[in-house]
Amino acid sequence: MVVMQEFMQLTTDLRNNVLEDCLRRYEHGRKFDRKNYDDFNYIKHETLPQFEKIEKWEEDANTVVHMIALFPNQIKNTKDNLEIMILHSYFHDVRKKRFMELYQSVMYNLDLILNDEKQ
């Protein structure tokens, strides 16, 4: 059960920190230039822990998939969407409607896990 507790903490962290930071950065952060080497290195350095956290979340989710309210394809899509959101939040290269669709999708899946655990 320790694995499940760690997974739930990681899921909560992704939902309350990583996801919300993406939204805040997209709405209020500066737009970075893809072609600027300094911007690229800054983003690479800043996002590495987030990508590692998402990777760990996916591994853990696949380990406990039989105990959570998501299917394997939902786990993969959540991971992919969260990674895409991180990049979009720095570069602002999608319309707000699309960004919010990704946000809602990730939020929905993370909430499924967190709400299912409470019951």
N, C-alpha and C. Protein backbone atom coordinates (compact mmCIF):
# COMPACT_ATOMS: atom_id res chain seq x y z
N MET A 1 0.81 -1.21 0.00
CA MET A 1 0.00 0.00 0.00
C MET A 1 0.85 1.27 0.00
N VAL A 2 2.13 1.15 0.37
CA VAL A 2 3.01 2.31 0.35
C VAL A 2 3.10 2.86 -1.07
N VAL A 3 3.17 1.95 -2.04
CA VAL A 3 3.22 2.37 -3.44
C VAL A 3 2.00 3.20 -3.80
N MET A 4 0.84 2.75 -3.35
CA MET A 4 -0.40 3.47 -3.64
C MET A 4 -0.41 4.84 -2.98
N GLN A 5 0.06 4.92 -1.74
CA GLN A 5 0.10 6.21 -1.04
C GLN A 5 1.04 7.18 -1.77
N GLU A 6 2.21 6.70 -2.17
CA GLU A 6 3.15 7.55 -2.90
C GLU A 6 2.55 8.00 -4.23
N PHE A 7 1.85 7.07 -4.89
CA PHE A 7 1.22 7.40 -6.17
C PHE A 7 0.15 8.48 -5.98
N MET A 8 -0.63 8.35 -4.92
CA MET A 8 -1.68 9.35 -4.67
C MET A 8 -1.07 10.71 -4.34
N GLN A 9 0.03 10.72 -3.59
CA GLN A 9 0.71 11.98 -3.29
C GLN A 9 1.25 12.62 -4.56
N LEU A 10 1.83 11.79 -5.42
CA LEU A 10 2.36 12.28 -6.69
C LEU A 10 1.24 12.81 -7.57
N THR A 11 0.12 12.12 -7.60
CA THR A 11 -1.04 12.56 -8.38
C THR A 11 -1.54 13.90 -7.85
N THR A 12 -1.63 14.04 -6.54
CA THR A 12 -2.04 15.31 -5.94
C THR A 12 -1.07 16.41 -6.29
N ASP A 13 0.22 16.11 -6.24
CA ASP A 13 1.25 17.09 -6.58
C ASP A 13 1.12 17.52 -8.04
N LEU A 14 0.93 16.57 -8.94
CA LEU A 14 0.76 16.92 -10.36
C LEU A 14 -0.45 17.83 -10.55
N ARG A 15 -1.54 17.47 -9.87
CA ARG A 15 -2.78 18.24 -10.03
C ARG A 15 -2.65 19.64 -9.45
N ASN A 16 -2.16 19.73 -8.23
CA ASN A 16 -2.17 21.01 -7.52
C ASN A 16 -0.97 21.90 -7.84
N ASN A 17 0.11 21.32 -8.30
CA ASN A 17 1.30 22.12 -8.55
C ASN A 17 1.65 22.21 -10.03
N VAL A 18 1.99 21.09 -10.64
CA VAL A 18 2.44 21.11 -12.04
C VAL A 18 1.34 21.64 -12.96
N LEU A 19 0.15 21.08 -12.84
CA LEU A 19 -0.96 21.50 -13.71
C LEU A 19 -1.32 22.96 -13.50
N GLU A 20 -1.42 23.36 -12.25
CA GLU A 20 -1.79 24.76 -11.95
C GLU A 20 -0.67 25.73 -12.36
N ASP A 21 0.58 25.31 -12.21
CA ASP A 21 1.70 26.14 -12.66
C ASP A 21 1.64 26.35 -14.17
N CYS A 22 1.27 25.31 -14.90
CA CYS A 22 1.13 25.43 -16.36
C CYS A 22 0.08 26.48 -16.71
N LEU A 23 -1.06 26.40 -16.06
CA LEU A 23 -2.14 27.34 -16.35
C LEU A 23 -1.71 28.77 -16.00
N ARG A 24 -1.11 28.92 -14.85
CA ARG A 24 -0.67 30.26 -14.41
C ARG A 24 0.38 30.82 -15.39
N ARG A 25 1.34 29.98 -15.78
CA ARG A 25 2.39 30.41 -16.71
C ARG A 25 1.79 30.76 -18.07
N TYR A 26 0.84 29.96 -18.53
CA TYR A 26 0.21 30.23 -19.83
C TYR A 26 -0.55 31.56 -19.79
N GLU A 27 -1.27 31.80 -18.71
CA GLU A 27 -2.10 33.01 -18.64
C GLU A 27 -1.32 34.26 -18.28
N HIS A 28 -0.28 34.13 -17.46
CA HIS A 28 0.38 35.32 -16.93
C HIS A 28 1.88 35.37 -17.21
N GLY A 29 2.46 34.28 -17.66
CA GLY A 29 3.91 34.24 -17.86
C GLY A 29 4.32 34.88 -19.18
N ARG A 30 5.61 35.10 -19.30
CA ARG A 30 6.10 35.69 -20.55
C ARG A 30 6.19 34.61 -21.62
N LYS A 31 6.08 35.03 -22.86
CA LYS A 31 6.18 34.11 -23.98
C LYS A 31 7.66 33.94 -24.33
N PHE A 32 8.12 32.70 -24.32
CA PHE A 32 9.51 32.42 -24.64
C PHE A 32 9.65 32.20 -26.14
N ASP A 33 10.86 32.45 -26.63
CA ASP A 33 11.16 32.30 -28.06
C ASP A 33 11.81 30.95 -28.30
N ARG A 34 11.19 30.15 -29.15
CA ARG A 34 11.72 28.82 -29.46
C ARG A 34 13.13 28.87 -30.04
N LYS A 35 13.44 29.92 -30.76
CA LYS A 35 14.71 29.99 -31.47
C LYS A 35 15.83 30.62 -30.62
N ASN A 36 15.48 31.10 -29.46
CA ASN A 36 16.47 31.71 -28.58
C ASN A 36 17.14 30.63 -27.74
N TYR A 37 18.44 30.49 -27.89
CA TYR A 37 19.19 29.43 -27.22
C TYR A 37 19.12 29.58 -25.69
N ASP A 38 19.20 30.81 -25.20
CA ASP A 38 19.13 31.03 -23.75
C ASP A 38 17.77 30.64 -23.20
N ASP A 39 16.70 31.00 -23.93
CA ASP A 39 15.35 30.61 -23.51
C ASP A 39 15.23 29.09 -23.47
N PHE A 40 15.74 28.45 -24.52
CA PHE A 40 15.67 26.98 -24.60
C PHE A 40 16.36 26.34 -23.40
N ASN A 41 17.57 26.80 -23.08
CA ASN A 41 18.31 26.22 -21.95
C ASN A 41 17.62 26.48 -20.63
N TYR A 42 17.06 27.67 -20.48
CA TYR A 42 16.33 28.01 -19.26
C TYR A 42 15.15 27.06 -19.07
N ILE A 43 14.36 26.91 -20.12
CA ILE A 43 13.18 26.04 -20.06
C ILE A 43 13.58 24.59 -19.82
N LYS A 44 14.62 24.15 -20.51
CA LYS A 44 15.09 22.77 -20.35
C LYS A 44 15.48 22.52 -18.89
N HIS A 45 16.22 23.44 -18.32
CA HIS A 45 16.66 23.30 -16.92
C HIS A 45 15.46 23.34 -15.96
N GLU A 46 14.54 24.25 -16.19
CA GLU A 46 13.40 24.42 -15.29
C GLU A 46 12.39 23.27 -15.36
N THR A 47 12.24 22.69 -16.54
CA THR A 47 11.20 21.67 -16.72
C THR A 47 11.69 20.25 -16.46
N LEU A 48 12.97 20.03 -16.38
CA LEU A 48 13.48 18.67 -16.19
C LEU A 48 12.85 17.97 -14.98
N PRO A 49 12.79 18.61 -13.80
CA PRO A 49 12.14 17.92 -12.67
C PRO A 49 10.66 17.61 -12.91
N GLN A 50 9.97 18.49 -13.64
CA GLN A 50 8.56 18.25 -13.94
C GLN A 50 8.41 17.04 -14.85
N PHE A 51 9.24 16.96 -15.88
CA PHE A 51 9.15 15.82 -16.80
C PHE A 51 9.52 14.52 -16.08
N GLU A 52 10.49 14.57 -15.18
CA GLU A 52 10.86 13.38 -14.41
C GLU A 52 9.70 12.95 -13.51
N LYS A 53 9.02 13.91 -12.91
CA LYS A 53 7.88 13.63 -12.04
C LYS A 53 6.75 12.98 -12.85
N ILE A 54 6.50 13.49 -14.04
CA ILE A 54 5.44 12.96 -14.90
C ILE A 54 5.80 11.54 -15.34
N GLU A 55 7.05 11.32 -15.65
CA GLU A 55 7.51 9.99 -16.06
C GLU A 55 7.32 8.99 -14.91
N LYS A 56 7.69 9.40 -13.71
CA LYS A 56 7.50 8.53 -12.53
C LYS A 56 6.01 8.26 -12.30
N TRP A 57 5.19 9.31 -12.46
CA TRP A 57 3.75 9.14 -12.29
C TRP A 57 3.21 8.08 -13.25
N GLU A 58 3.64 8.14 -14.51
CA GLU A 58 3.17 7.17 -15.50
C GLU A 58 3.60 5.75 -15.11
N GLU A 59 4.85 5.58 -14.71
CA GLU A 59 5.33 4.25 -14.29
C GLU A 59 4.51 3.73 -13.11
N ASP A 60 4.32 4.60 -12.11
CA ASP A 60 3.55 4.18 -10.94
C ASP A 60 2.09 3.88 -11.29
N ALA A 61 1.52 4.71 -12.16
CA ALA A 61 0.12 4.51 -12.56
C ALA A 61 -0.04 3.16 -13.26
N ASN A 62 0.91 2.82 -14.10
CA ASN A 62 0.83 1.54 -14.79
C ASN A 62 1.03 0.37 -13.83
N THR A 63 1.73 0.60 -12.75
CA THR A 63 1.93 -0.43 -11.72
C THR A 63 0.64 -0.69 -10.94
N VAL A 64 -0.11 0.38 -10.68
CA VAL A 64 -1.34 0.25 -9.87
C VAL A 64 -2.61 0.39 -10.71
N VAL A 65 -2.48 0.21 -12.02
CA VAL A 65 -3.60 0.44 -12.94
C VAL A 65 -4.84 -0.36 -12.55
N HIS A 66 -4.64 -1.53 -12.00
CA HIS A 66 -5.78 -2.38 -11.60
C HIS A 66 -6.51 -1.82 -10.37
N MET A 67 -5.90 -0.82 -9.70
CA MET A 67 -6.51 -0.27 -8.49
C MET A 67 -7.03 1.16 -8.68
N ILE A 68 -6.89 1.70 -9.87
CA ILE A 68 -7.33 3.08 -10.11
C ILE A 68 -8.40 3.12 -11.18
N ALA A 69 -9.02 4.28 -11.32
CA ALA A 69 -10.17 4.42 -12.22
C ALA A 69 -9.79 4.81 -13.64
N LEU A 70 -8.55 4.51 -14.06
CA LEU A 70 -8.12 4.84 -15.42
C LEU A 70 -7.68 3.59 -16.16
N PHE A 71 -7.83 3.63 -17.46
CA PHE A 71 -7.32 2.57 -18.33
C PHE A 71 -5.91 2.96 -18.77
N PRO A 72 -5.11 1.99 -19.22
CA PRO A 72 -3.74 2.31 -19.65
C PRO A 72 -3.64 3.42 -20.70
N ASN A 73 -4.59 3.45 -21.65
CA ASN A 73 -4.51 4.51 -22.66
C ASN A 73 -4.80 5.89 -22.06
N GLN A 74 -5.61 5.94 -21.01
CA GLN A 74 -5.87 7.21 -20.33
C GLN A 74 -4.63 7.69 -19.57
N ILE A 75 -3.89 6.74 -19.02
CA ILE A 75 -2.65 7.09 -18.33
C ILE A 75 -1.67 7.70 -19.33
N LYS A 76 -1.51 7.04 -20.46
CA LYS A 76 -0.58 7.55 -21.49
C LYS A 76 -1.02 8.91 -21.99
N ASN A 77 -2.31 9.07 -22.27
CA ASN A 77 -2.82 10.36 -22.76
C ASN A 77 -2.64 11.46 -21.73
N THR A 78 -2.85 11.15 -20.46
CA THR A 78 -2.67 12.15 -19.41
C THR A 78 -1.22 12.59 -19.35
N LYS A 79 -0.32 11.64 -19.41
CA LYS A 79 1.11 11.95 -19.40
C LYS A 79 1.47 12.83 -20.60
N ASP A 80 1.05 12.40 -21.78
CA ASP A 80 1.37 13.16 -23.00
C ASP A 80 0.78 14.57 -22.95
N ASN A 81 -0.47 14.68 -22.54
CA ASN A 81 -1.12 15.98 -22.47
C ASN A 81 -0.44 16.91 -21.47
N LEU A 82 -0.02 16.36 -20.36
CA LEU A 82 0.65 17.18 -19.34
C LEU A 82 2.00 17.68 -19.87
N GLU A 83 2.73 16.82 -20.55
CA GLU A 83 4.01 17.23 -21.13
C GLU A 83 3.80 18.31 -22.20
N ILE A 84 2.79 18.13 -23.02
CA ILE A 84 2.48 19.12 -24.06
C ILE A 84 2.10 20.45 -23.42
N MET A 85 1.31 20.38 -22.35
CA MET A 85 0.90 21.60 -21.65
C MET A 85 2.09 22.37 -21.09
N ILE A 86 3.06 21.65 -20.56
CA ILE A 86 4.25 22.32 -20.03
C ILE A 86 4.91 23.13 -21.13
N LEU A 87 5.10 22.53 -22.28
CA LEU A 87 5.75 23.25 -23.39
C LEU A 87 4.89 24.42 -23.88
N HIS A 88 3.61 24.19 -24.04
CA HIS A 88 2.72 25.27 -24.48
C HIS A 88 2.69 26.42 -23.48
N SER A 89 2.84 26.10 -22.20
CA SER A 89 2.78 27.15 -21.19
C SER A 89 3.97 28.11 -21.28
N TYR A 90 5.06 27.64 -21.83
CA TYR A 90 6.22 28.52 -22.03
C TYR A 90 6.18 29.24 -23.36
N PHE A 91 5.76 28.54 -24.40
CA PHE A 91 5.83 29.11 -25.75
C PHE A 91 4.55 29.79 -26.21
N HIS A 92 3.44 29.52 -25.53
CA HIS A 92 2.15 30.13 -25.88
C HIS A 92 1.83 29.92 -27.36
N ASP A 93 2.05 28.72 -27.84
CA ASP A 93 1.90 28.46 -29.27
C ASP A 93 0.62 27.71 -29.64
N VAL A 94 -0.36 27.73 -28.75
CA VAL A 94 -1.69 27.21 -29.08
C VAL A 94 -2.72 28.22 -28.58
N ARG A 95 -3.88 28.16 -29.17
CA ARG A 95 -4.96 29.04 -28.73
C ARG A 95 -5.40 28.63 -27.33
N LYS A 96 -5.97 29.59 -26.64
CA LYS A 96 -6.39 29.35 -25.26
C LYS A 96 -7.41 28.22 -25.19
N LYS A 97 -8.30 28.15 -26.17
CA LYS A 97 -9.33 27.09 -26.18
C LYS A 97 -8.67 25.70 -26.17
N ARG A 98 -7.67 25.50 -26.99
CA ARG A 98 -6.98 24.21 -27.06
C ARG A 98 -6.23 23.93 -25.75
N PHE A 99 -5.57 24.96 -25.22
CA PHE A 99 -4.85 24.79 -23.97
C PHE A 99 -5.81 24.38 -22.86
N MET A 100 -6.97 25.02 -22.81
CA MET A 100 -7.95 24.70 -21.78
C MET A 100 -8.54 23.31 -21.97
N GLU A 101 -8.66 22.85 -23.20
CA GLU A 101 -9.11 21.47 -23.45
C GLU A 101 -8.12 20.47 -22.86
N LEU A 102 -6.83 20.73 -23.07
CA LEU A 102 -5.80 19.87 -22.49
C LEU A 102 -5.86 19.91 -20.97
N TYR A 103 -6.00 21.11 -20.44
CA TYR A 103 -6.07 21.32 -19.00
C TYR A 103 -7.24 20.54 -18.40
N GLN A 104 -8.42 20.67 -19.01
CA GLN A 104 -9.61 19.98 -18.51
C GLN A 104 -9.46 18.46 -18.59
N SER A 105 -8.85 17.98 -19.66
CA SER A 105 -8.65 16.55 -19.83
C SER A 105 -7.74 15.99 -18.74
N VAL A 106 -6.62 16.66 -18.50
CA VAL A 106 -5.68 16.21 -17.48
C VAL A 106 -6.34 16.30 -16.10
N MET A 107 -6.99 17.42 -15.84
CA MET A 107 -7.66 17.62 -14.55
C MET A 107 -8.70 16.52 -14.31
N TYR A 108 -9.48 16.22 -15.32
CA TYR A 108 -10.51 15.19 -15.20
C TYR A 108 -9.91 13.85 -14.80
N ASN A 109 -8.85 13.43 -15.50
CA ASN A 109 -8.25 12.13 -15.22
C ASN A 109 -7.59 12.09 -13.85
N LEU A 110 -6.90 13.16 -13.47
CA LEU A 110 -6.28 13.18 -12.14
C LEU A 110 -7.35 13.18 -11.06
N ASP A 111 -8.42 13.92 -11.28
CA ASP A 111 -9.53 13.95 -10.31
C ASP A 111 -10.22 12.59 -10.21
N LEU A 112 -10.32 11.88 -11.33
CA LEU A 112 -10.90 10.52 -11.28
C LEU A 112 -10.14 9.66 -10.29
N ILE A 113 -8.82 9.73 -10.36
CA ILE A 113 -7.98 8.93 -9.48
C ILE A 113 -8.17 9.39 -8.03
N LEU A 114 -8.07 10.69 -7.82
CA LEU A 114 -8.12 11.22 -6.45
C LEU A 114 -9.49 11.01 -5.83
N ASN A 115 -10.54 11.21 -6.57
CA ASN A 115 -11.90 11.04 -6.04
C ASN A 115 -12.25 9.59 -5.82
N ASP A 116 -11.73 8.71 -6.67
CA ASP A 116 -11.99 7.28 -6.52
C ASP A 116 -11.35 6.75 -5.24
N GLU A 117 -10.18 7.28 -4.91
CA GLU A 117 -9.46 6.85 -3.71
C GLU A 117 -10.24 7.19 -2.44
N LYS A 118 -10.98 8.29 -2.47
CA LYS A 118 -11.71 8.76 -1.28
C LYS A 118 -12.91 7.89 -0.97
N GLN A 119 -13.38 7.11 -1.91
CA GLN A 119 -14.60 6.32 -1.69
C GLN A 119 -14.30 4.96 -1.13
